[in-house]
Amino acid sequence: IHKHASNVVERAVRCVPSAAERITTALLEAPARKHSALHEVATSKFGNYVVQRLLQVAPDEKLIEALCRGPKLLGFGKHIHTALNRMGFAGNRGPSPRRSATSE
């Protein structure tokens, strides 16, 4: 994925409400080669920013599940795991329990 193209896609996701849904659907439904399209984008140098923006702007259940249950994201995909952890999901293990701010 090209740097400037990822910037355009990020801007579209942020500014056009229907773009996030369309891009998420395209990533989830694209025919897989060696890895799924989502995996390829999530582990690319610039594509991982697009996936992070999708998680930030329009967190989709299917997208989160595909990222948590799919193959391990190495390299630049580590940024996606960090974003999922911030959202309360623990990598490939699914939802992690959140601590209550009022406990203790």
C-alpha atoms as a PDB file:
ATOM      1  CA  ILE A   1       0.000   0.000   0.000  1.00  0.00           C
ATOM      2  CA  HIS A   2       1.300   3.397  -0.985  1.00  0.00           C
ATOM      3  CA  LYS A   3       1.802   6.066   1.687  1.00  0.00           C
ATOM      4  CA  HIS A   4      -0.278   8.743  -0.001  1.00  0.00           C
ATOM      5  CA  ALA A   5      -3.043   6.304  -0.868  1.00  0.00           C
ATOM      6  CA  SER A   6      -3.317   5.284   2.783  1.00  0.00           C
ATOM      7  CA  ASN A   7      -3.578   8.969   3.735  1.00  0.00           C
ATOM      8  CA  VAL A   8      -6.471   9.405   1.289  1.00  0.00           C
ATOM      9  CA  VAL A   9      -8.255   6.322   2.644  1.00  0.00           C
ATOM     10  CA  GLU A  10      -7.750   7.478   6.237  1.00  0.00           C
ATOM     11  CA  ARG A  11      -9.218  10.881   5.375  1.00  0.00           C
ATOM     12  CA  ALA A  12     -12.187   9.243   3.649  1.00  0.00           C
ATOM     13  CA  VAL A  13     -12.829   7.059   6.707  1.00  0.00           C
ATOM     14  CA  ARG A  14     -12.692  10.097   8.962  1.00  0.00           C
ATOM     15  CA  CYS A  15     -14.809  12.435   6.807  1.00  0.00           C
ATOM     16  CA  VAL A  16     -17.320  10.195   5.008  1.00  0.00           C
ATOM     17  CA  PRO A  17     -19.434   8.075   7.375  1.00  0.00           C
ATOM     18  CA  SER A  18     -20.311   5.414   4.795  1.00  0.00           C
ATOM     19  CA  ALA A  19     -16.673   5.008   3.697  1.00  0.00           C
ATOM     20  CA  ALA A  20     -15.636   3.173   6.865  1.00  0.00           C
ATOM     21  CA  GLU A  21     -18.401   0.603   6.419  1.00  0.00           C
ATOM     22  CA  ARG A  22     -17.625   0.104   2.724  1.00  0.00           C
ATOM     23  CA  ILE A  23     -13.886  -0.270   3.316  1.00  0.00           C
ATOM     24  CA  THR A  24     -14.421  -2.670   6.214  1.00  0.00           C
ATOM     25  CA  THR A  25     -16.766  -4.789   4.084  1.00  0.00           C
ATOM     26  CA  ALA A  26     -14.274  -4.789   1.210  1.00  0.00           C
ATOM     27  CA  LEU A  27     -11.433  -5.902   3.485  1.00  0.00           C
ATOM     28  CA  LEU A  28     -13.493  -8.670   5.079  1.00  0.00           C
ATOM     29  CA  GLU A  29     -15.025  -9.997   1.849  1.00  0.00           C
ATOM     30  CA  ALA A  30     -12.060  -9.748  -0.533  1.00  0.00           C
ATOM     31  CA  PRO A  31     -10.909 -13.124  -1.863  1.00  0.00           C
ATOM     32  CA  ALA A  32      -7.932 -14.428   0.085  1.00  0.00           C
ATOM     33  CA  ARG A  33      -4.640 -15.349  -1.502  1.00  0.00           C
ATOM     34  CA  LYS A  34      -1.989 -16.488   0.945  1.00  0.00           C
ATOM     35  CA  HIS A  35      -3.547 -14.312   3.681  1.00  0.00           C
ATOM     36  CA  SER A  36      -6.775 -12.348   3.812  1.00  0.00           C
ATOM     37  CA  ALA A  37      -6.881  -8.818   2.427  1.00  0.00           C
ATOM     38  CA  LEU A  38      -7.390  -7.557   5.970  1.00  0.00           C
ATOM     39  CA  HIS A  39      -4.232  -9.335   7.145  1.00  0.00           C
ATOM     40  CA  GLU A  40      -2.226  -7.967   4.211  1.00  0.00           C
ATOM     41  CA  VAL A  41      -3.369  -4.397   4.877  1.00  0.00           C
ATOM     42  CA  ALA A  42      -2.966  -4.663   8.658  1.00  0.00           C
ATOM     43  CA  THR A  43       0.640  -5.864   8.367  1.00  0.00           C
ATOM     44  CA  SER A  44       1.738  -3.381   5.714  1.00  0.00           C
ATOM     45  CA  LYS A  45       3.837  -0.348   6.535  1.00  0.00           C
ATOM     46  CA  PHE A  46       1.108   2.186   5.712  1.00  0.00           C
ATOM     47  CA  GLY A  47      -2.005   0.002   5.637  1.00  0.00           C
ATOM     48  CA  ASN A  48      -1.896  -0.556   9.384  1.00  0.00           C
ATOM     49  CA  TYR A  49      -2.765   3.121   9.830  1.00  0.00           C
ATOM     50  CA  VAL A  50      -5.936   2.596   7.788  1.00  0.00           C
ATOM     51  CA  VAL A  51      -6.978  -0.338  10.003  1.00  0.00           C
ATOM     52  CA  GLN A  52      -6.202   1.666  13.151  1.00  0.00           C
ATOM     53  CA  ARG A  53      -8.364   4.521  11.822  1.00  0.00           C
ATOM     54  CA  LEU A  54     -11.190   2.087  11.065  1.00  0.00           C
ATOM     55  CA  LEU A  55     -11.008   0.792  14.636  1.00  0.00           C
ATOM     56  CA  GLN A  56     -10.968   4.341  15.972  1.00  0.00           C
ATOM     57  CA  VAL A  57     -13.761   5.837  13.856  1.00  0.00           C
ATOM     58  CA  ALA A  58     -16.101   2.913  13.263  1.00  0.00           C
ATOM     59  CA  PRO A  59     -15.228  -0.167  15.330  1.00  0.00           C
ATOM     60  CA  ASP A  60     -17.043  -3.026  13.608  1.00  0.00           C
ATOM     61  CA  GLU A  61     -17.648  -6.312  15.463  1.00  0.00           C
ATOM     62  CA  LYS A  62     -16.703  -8.431  12.458  1.00  0.00           C
ATOM     63  CA  LEU A  63     -13.524  -6.427  11.912  1.00  0.00           C
ATOM     64  CA  ILE A  64     -12.466  -6.773  15.545  1.00  0.00           C
ATOM     65  CA  GLU A  65     -13.265 -10.487  15.543  1.00  0.00           C
ATOM     66  CA  ALA A  66     -11.303 -11.038  12.316  1.00  0.00           C
ATOM     67  CA  LEU A  67      -8.303  -9.224  13.771  1.00  0.00           C
ATOM     68  CA  CYS A  68      -8.487 -11.067  17.107  1.00  0.00           C
ATOM     69  CA  ARG A  69      -9.131 -14.528  15.674  1.00  0.00           C
ATOM     70  CA  GLY A  70      -7.073 -14.293  12.493  1.00  0.00           C
ATOM     71  CA  PRO A  71      -3.407 -15.140  12.018  1.00  0.00           C
ATOM     72  CA  LYS A  72      -0.951 -13.383  14.283  1.00  0.00           C
ATOM     73  CA  LEU A  73      -0.140  -9.897  13.053  1.00  0.00           C
ATOM     74  CA  LEU A  74       3.615  -9.449  12.937  1.00  0.00           C
ATOM     75  CA  GLY A  75       5.727  -6.469  11.972  1.00  0.00           C
ATOM     76  CA  PHE A  76       3.596  -3.377  11.529  1.00  0.00           C
ATOM     77  CA  GLY A  77       0.565  -5.412  12.628  1.00  0.00           C
ATOM     78  CA  LYS A  78       1.781  -5.030  16.205  1.00  0.00           C
ATOM     79  CA  HIS A  79       0.319  -1.523  16.118  1.00  0.00           C
ATOM     80  CA  ILE A  80      -3.094  -3.086  15.513  1.00  0.00           C
ATOM     81  CA  HIS A  81      -2.701  -5.296  18.590  1.00  0.00           C
ATOM     82  CA  THR A  82      -1.829  -2.210  20.632  1.00  0.00           C
ATOM     83  CA  ALA A  83      -4.968  -0.466  19.349  1.00  0.00           C
ATOM     84  CA  LEU A  84      -7.091  -3.543  20.166  1.00  0.00           C
ATOM     85  CA  ASN A  85      -5.607  -3.705  23.663  1.00  0.00           C
ATOM     86  CA  ARG A  86      -6.471  -0.035  24.213  1.00  0.00           C
ATOM     87  CA  MET A  87     -10.056  -0.881  23.218  1.00  0.00           C
ATOM     88  CA  GLY A  88     -10.192  -3.720  25.748  1.00  0.00           C
ATOM     89  CA  PHE A  89      -9.369  -6.655  23.481  1.00  0.00           C
ATOM     90  CA  ALA A  90      -6.357  -8.848  24.156  1.00  0.00           C
ATOM     91  CA  GLY A  91      -4.756  -9.803  20.838  1.00  0.00           C
ATOM     92  CA  ASN A  92      -5.817 -13.232  19.608  1.00  0.00           C
ATOM     93  CA  ARG A  93      -7.584 -14.188  22.825  1.00  0.00           C
ATOM     94  CA  GLY A  94     -10.763 -12.131  22.322  1.00  0.00           C
ATOM     95  CA  PRO A  95     -12.187  -9.642  24.797  1.00  0.00           C
ATOM     96  CA  SER A  96     -10.200  -9.079  27.956  1.00  0.00           C
ATOM     97  CA  PRO A  97     -11.864  -8.109  31.200  1.00  0.00           C
ATOM     98  CA  ARG A  98     -11.736  -4.381  31.848  1.00  0.00           C
ATOM     99  CA  ARG A  99     -10.937  -3.138  35.296  1.00  0.00           C
ATOM    100  CA  SER A 100     -13.496  -0.944  36.899  1.00  0.00           C
ATOM    101  CA  ALA A 101     -12.242   2.509  37.834  1.00  0.00           C
ATOM    102  CA  THR A 102     -14.199   2.280  41.093  1.00  0.00           C
ATOM    103  CA  SER A 103     -12.689  -1.015  42.248  1.00  0.00           C
ATOM    104  CA  GLU A 104     -10.488  -0.423  45.289  1.00  0.00           C
END
